[in-house]
Amino acid sequence: MIPKTISRDQVREFLLKEMKLGHLQEGQTINLAALARKLKVSVTPIREALTQLQQSRIITAIPNRGFIISELSLKEAKDLYELVADLEVLAIENSVFSPMDIQQLKEQQLVFKHAADTVSRINAKLEFHRLLTKNYGNSLAQQILKDLKIRIFFYEREFMSDDLLYSKSDNQHDGIISAIEDDNVPTASLVLKMNWMLILDYIKKQLLGVL
């Protein structure tokens, strides 16, 4: 049980966890009163957390309906994936990778390769990207990336079940690691950008109903 001294940030992390577990779906209304009863707190930190998530576009406030989990859209997917790709390229271009960092990436890549289901695979992929960018010292960019990747989880959980696509992504991860090992940041950046655009192109086709 979450303590009664729960803060806005704790509520925010709780809601994000519920989303990642699939307990909150896109388009679903968040009942403030029910959530307050469940957490045994007032609605104030809940409303504050939802307002924070609204700023990240994870939550949408709709008049006379309240807060809902934002619906998925083609434009948002394009903006989202392009921004994450650009921020991650910026991050690795301004990072230094130690042998331990590279080993962590290799170990996480094995977790990704052997993930047993779609959700596990998505989480393993997102953790790989977190490790890839963790040495970037811009705390604001890190927070933005963290928020954006929560939103990315929704898109990939909805649309990403193609084993062939993950096989291509798997090869690109290996390419990123290899380039970093060779201290070839331009190549690592190029493959990283291609990795995100591969996934975006697939999701765009899904949203357009092509596949």
Protein backbone atom coordinates (compact mmCIF):
# COMPACT_ATOMS: atom_id res chain seq x y z
CA MET A 1 0.00 0.00 0.00
CA ILE A 2 1.27 3.48 -0.87
CA PRO A 3 1.68 5.59 2.32
CA LYS A 4 -0.70 8.44 3.14
CA THR A 5 2.14 10.92 2.82
CA ILE A 6 2.18 10.12 -0.89
CA SER A 7 3.48 12.96 -3.03
CA ARG A 8 2.57 14.07 -6.51
CA ASP A 9 5.70 12.36 -7.87
CA GLN A 10 4.80 9.07 -6.17
CA VAL A 11 1.31 9.18 -7.69
CA ARG A 12 2.86 9.93 -11.06
CA GLU A 13 5.19 6.93 -10.84
CA PHE A 14 2.30 4.72 -9.68
CA LEU A 15 0.17 5.77 -12.67
CA LEU A 16 3.05 5.23 -15.10
CA LYS A 17 3.63 1.76 -13.68
CA GLU A 18 -0.07 0.94 -14.06
CA MET A 19 0.10 2.05 -17.69
CA LYS A 20 3.16 -0.09 -18.40
CA LEU A 21 1.47 -3.10 -16.80
CA GLY A 22 -1.51 -2.58 -19.10
CA HIS A 23 -3.92 -1.76 -16.27
CA LEU A 24 -4.62 1.64 -17.84
CA GLN A 25 -5.36 1.73 -21.56
CA GLU A 26 -5.47 4.56 -24.09
CA GLY A 27 -8.86 6.26 -24.13
CA GLN A 28 -9.63 5.13 -20.57
CA THR A 29 -10.98 7.72 -18.14
CA ILE A 30 -9.15 8.06 -14.83
CA ASN A 31 -11.60 8.27 -11.95
CA LEU A 32 -9.99 10.61 -9.42
CA ALA A 33 -12.30 9.64 -6.56
CA ALA A 34 -11.80 5.90 -7.13
CA LEU A 35 -8.04 6.35 -7.38
CA ALA A 36 -7.99 8.43 -4.20
CA ARG A 37 -9.88 5.65 -2.37
CA LYS A 38 -7.53 3.01 -3.74
CA LEU A 39 -4.41 4.91 -2.65
CA LYS A 40 -6.07 6.23 0.53
CA VAL A 41 -5.06 9.82 -0.18
CA SER A 42 -6.78 13.06 -1.11
CA VAL A 43 -7.37 13.93 -4.75
CA THR A 44 -4.88 16.83 -4.57
CA PRO A 45 -1.64 14.88 -5.29
CA ILE A 46 -3.55 12.82 -7.84
CA ARG A 47 -4.74 15.91 -9.70
CA GLU A 48 -1.23 17.38 -9.56
CA ALA A 49 0.27 14.17 -10.97
CA LEU A 50 -2.30 14.05 -13.76
CA THR A 51 -1.55 17.66 -14.65
CA GLN A 52 2.14 16.76 -14.90
CA LEU A 53 1.33 13.84 -17.17
CA GLN A 54 -0.91 16.09 -19.23
CA GLN A 55 2.09 18.33 -19.91
CA SER A 56 3.89 15.27 -21.27
CA ARG A 57 0.79 14.46 -23.40
CA ILE A 58 0.43 11.09 -21.76
CA ILE A 59 -2.86 12.28 -20.25
CA THR A 60 -5.51 14.47 -21.90
CA ALA A 61 -7.97 16.65 -19.97
CA ILE A 62 -11.41 16.67 -21.62
CA PRO A 63 -14.14 19.11 -20.46
CA ASN A 64 -17.01 17.40 -18.62
CA ARG A 65 -15.18 14.09 -18.75
CA GLY A 66 -11.99 14.62 -16.79
CA PHE A 67 -8.61 13.03 -17.44
CA ILE A 68 -8.17 10.23 -19.99
CA ILE A 69 -5.19 8.29 -21.29
CA SER A 70 -4.37 10.03 -24.57
CA GLU A 71 -5.47 8.30 -27.78
CA LEU A 72 -2.87 7.18 -30.30
CA SER A 73 -2.45 9.16 -33.52
CA LEU A 74 -0.31 9.20 -36.65
CA LYS A 75 0.93 12.75 -36.10
CA GLU A 76 1.87 12.11 -32.49
CA ALA A 77 3.72 8.91 -33.44
CA LYS A 78 5.76 10.78 -36.04
CA ASP A 79 6.58 13.65 -33.66
CA LEU A 80 7.30 11.27 -30.80
CA TYR A 81 9.68 8.90 -32.56
CA GLU A 82 11.53 11.64 -34.43
CA LEU A 83 12.07 13.60 -31.22
CA VAL A 84 13.27 10.57 -29.26
CA ALA A 85 15.64 9.65 -32.09
CA ASP A 86 17.09 13.16 -32.20
CA LEU A 87 17.48 13.37 -28.42
CA GLU A 88 19.17 9.97 -28.21
CA VAL A 89 21.58 10.85 -31.02
CA LEU A 90 22.42 14.07 -29.15
CA ALA A 91 22.90 12.02 -25.98
CA ILE A 92 25.36 9.50 -27.40
CA GLU A 93 27.26 12.21 -29.24
CA ASN A 94 27.87 13.82 -25.85
CA SER A 95 28.62 10.66 -23.88
CA VAL A 96 31.72 8.69 -22.98
CA PHE A 97 31.34 4.90 -22.83
CA SER A 98 33.48 2.86 -20.45
CA PRO A 99 34.17 -0.87 -20.95
CA MET A 100 31.60 -1.49 -18.19
CA ASP A 101 28.99 0.59 -20.05
CA ILE A 102 29.57 -1.47 -23.20
CA GLN A 103 29.31 -4.70 -21.23
CA GLN A 104 25.98 -3.56 -19.76
CA LEU A 105 24.68 -2.86 -23.26
CA LYS A 106 25.74 -6.34 -24.40
CA GLU A 107 24.05 -7.98 -21.42
CA GLN A 108 20.85 -6.00 -21.96
CA GLN A 109 20.92 -6.89 -25.64
CA LEU A 110 20.86 -10.56 -24.62
CA VAL A 111 17.81 -9.84 -22.45
CA PHE A 112 16.17 -8.26 -25.49
CA LYS A 113 17.06 -11.19 -27.75
CA HIS A 114 15.59 -13.74 -25.35
CA ALA A 115 12.45 -11.85 -24.25
CA ALA A 116 9.53 -14.26 -24.17
CA ASP A 117 6.66 -11.96 -25.11
CA THR A 118 5.91 -8.57 -26.67
CA VAL A 119 5.71 -6.57 -23.45
CA SER A 120 8.93 -8.08 -22.11
CA ARG A 121 10.60 -7.32 -25.42
CA ILE A 122 9.43 -3.69 -25.40
CA ASN A 123 10.65 -3.20 -21.84
CA ALA A 124 13.99 -4.83 -22.67
CA LYS A 125 14.38 -2.58 -25.70
CA LEU A 126 13.56 0.56 -23.73
CA GLU A 127 16.06 -0.45 -21.05
CA PHE A 128 18.71 -0.94 -23.75
CA HIS A 129 18.08 2.61 -24.94
CA ARG A 130 18.17 3.92 -21.37
CA LEU A 131 21.58 2.36 -20.85
CA LEU A 132 22.71 3.74 -24.19
CA THR A 133 21.91 7.33 -23.15
CA LYS A 134 22.40 7.24 -19.38
CA ASN A 135 25.79 8.99 -19.44
CA TYR A 136 24.37 12.12 -21.04
CA GLY A 137 24.59 14.79 -18.34
CA ASN A 138 21.60 16.94 -19.40
CA SER A 139 19.03 16.17 -16.70
CA LEU A 140 16.22 18.00 -18.51
CA ALA A 141 16.76 15.95 -21.67
CA GLN A 142 16.85 12.78 -19.57
CA GLN A 143 13.48 13.61 -17.98
CA ILE A 144 11.98 14.40 -21.37
CA LEU A 145 13.23 11.09 -22.76
CA LYS A 146 11.81 9.22 -19.78
CA ASP A 147 8.38 10.76 -20.31
CA LEU A 148 8.39 10.25 -24.07
CA LYS A 149 9.31 6.60 -23.72
CA ILE A 150 6.31 5.96 -21.50
CA ARG A 151 4.21 7.17 -24.41
CA ILE A 152 6.23 5.06 -26.85
CA PHE A 153 5.35 2.01 -24.75
CA PHE A 154 1.67 2.52 -25.64
CA TYR A 155 2.37 2.57 -29.37
CA GLU A 156 4.60 -0.48 -29.29
CA ARG A 157 2.31 -2.50 -27.04
CA GLU A 158 -0.55 -1.76 -29.44
CA PHE A 159 1.25 -2.42 -32.72
CA MET A 160 4.55 -4.23 -32.23
CA SER A 161 4.08 -7.99 -32.43
CA ASP A 162 6.09 -8.67 -35.59
CA ASP A 163 9.04 -10.98 -34.89
CA LEU A 164 10.72 -10.01 -38.18
CA LEU A 165 10.71 -6.35 -37.18
CA TYR A 166 12.32 -7.19 -33.85
CA SER A 167 14.93 -9.24 -35.66
CA LYS A 168 15.88 -6.18 -37.70
CA SER A 169 15.94 -4.04 -34.57
CA ASP A 170 18.07 -6.67 -32.88
CA ASN A 171 20.67 -6.43 -35.66
CA GLN A 172 20.69 -2.64 -35.36
CA HIS A 173 21.31 -2.85 -31.61
CA ASP A 174 24.32 -5.05 -32.32
CA GLY A 175 25.51 -2.51 -34.87
CA ILE A 176 25.23 0.32 -32.34
CA ILE A 177 27.27 -1.60 -29.77
CA SER A 178 29.91 -2.52 -32.35
CA ALA A 179 30.27 1.10 -33.48
CA ILE A 180 30.61 2.31 -29.89
CA GLU A 181 33.26 -0.31 -29.23
CA ASP A 182 35.15 1.02 -32.27
CA ASP A 183 34.74 4.59 -30.96
CA ASN A 184 32.81 5.35 -34.15
CA VAL A 185 30.14 7.69 -32.82
CA PRO A 186 28.93 8.89 -36.26
CA THR A 187 28.09 5.32 -37.28
CA ALA A 188 26.49 4.57 -33.90
CA SER A 189 24.36 7.72 -34.29
CA LEU A 190 23.31 6.78 -37.82
CA VAL A 191 22.29 3.24 -36.86
CA LEU A 192 20.47 4.54 -33.78
CA LYS A 193 18.45 6.96 -35.92
CA MET A 194 17.69 4.16 -38.39
CA ASN A 195 16.53 1.98 -35.52
CA TRP A 196 13.89 4.43 -34.37
CA MET A 197 12.79 5.23 -37.94
CA LEU A 198 12.38 1.50 -38.69
CA ILE A 199 9.90 1.22 -35.84
CA LEU A 200 8.16 4.49 -36.75
CA ASP A 201 7.65 3.37 -40.37
CA TYR A 202 6.07 0.13 -39.18
CA ILE A 203 3.76 1.89 -36.73
CA LYS A 204 2.74 4.47 -39.35
CA LYS A 205 1.70 1.65 -41.68
CA GLN A 206 -0.30 0.06 -38.89
CA LEU A 207 -2.05 3.33 -38.08
CA LEU A 208 -2.84 3.90 -41.75
CA GLY A 209 -4.28 0.39 -41.99
CA VAL A 210 -1.82 -0.65 -44.69
CA LEU A 211 -0.80 -3.86 -42.93
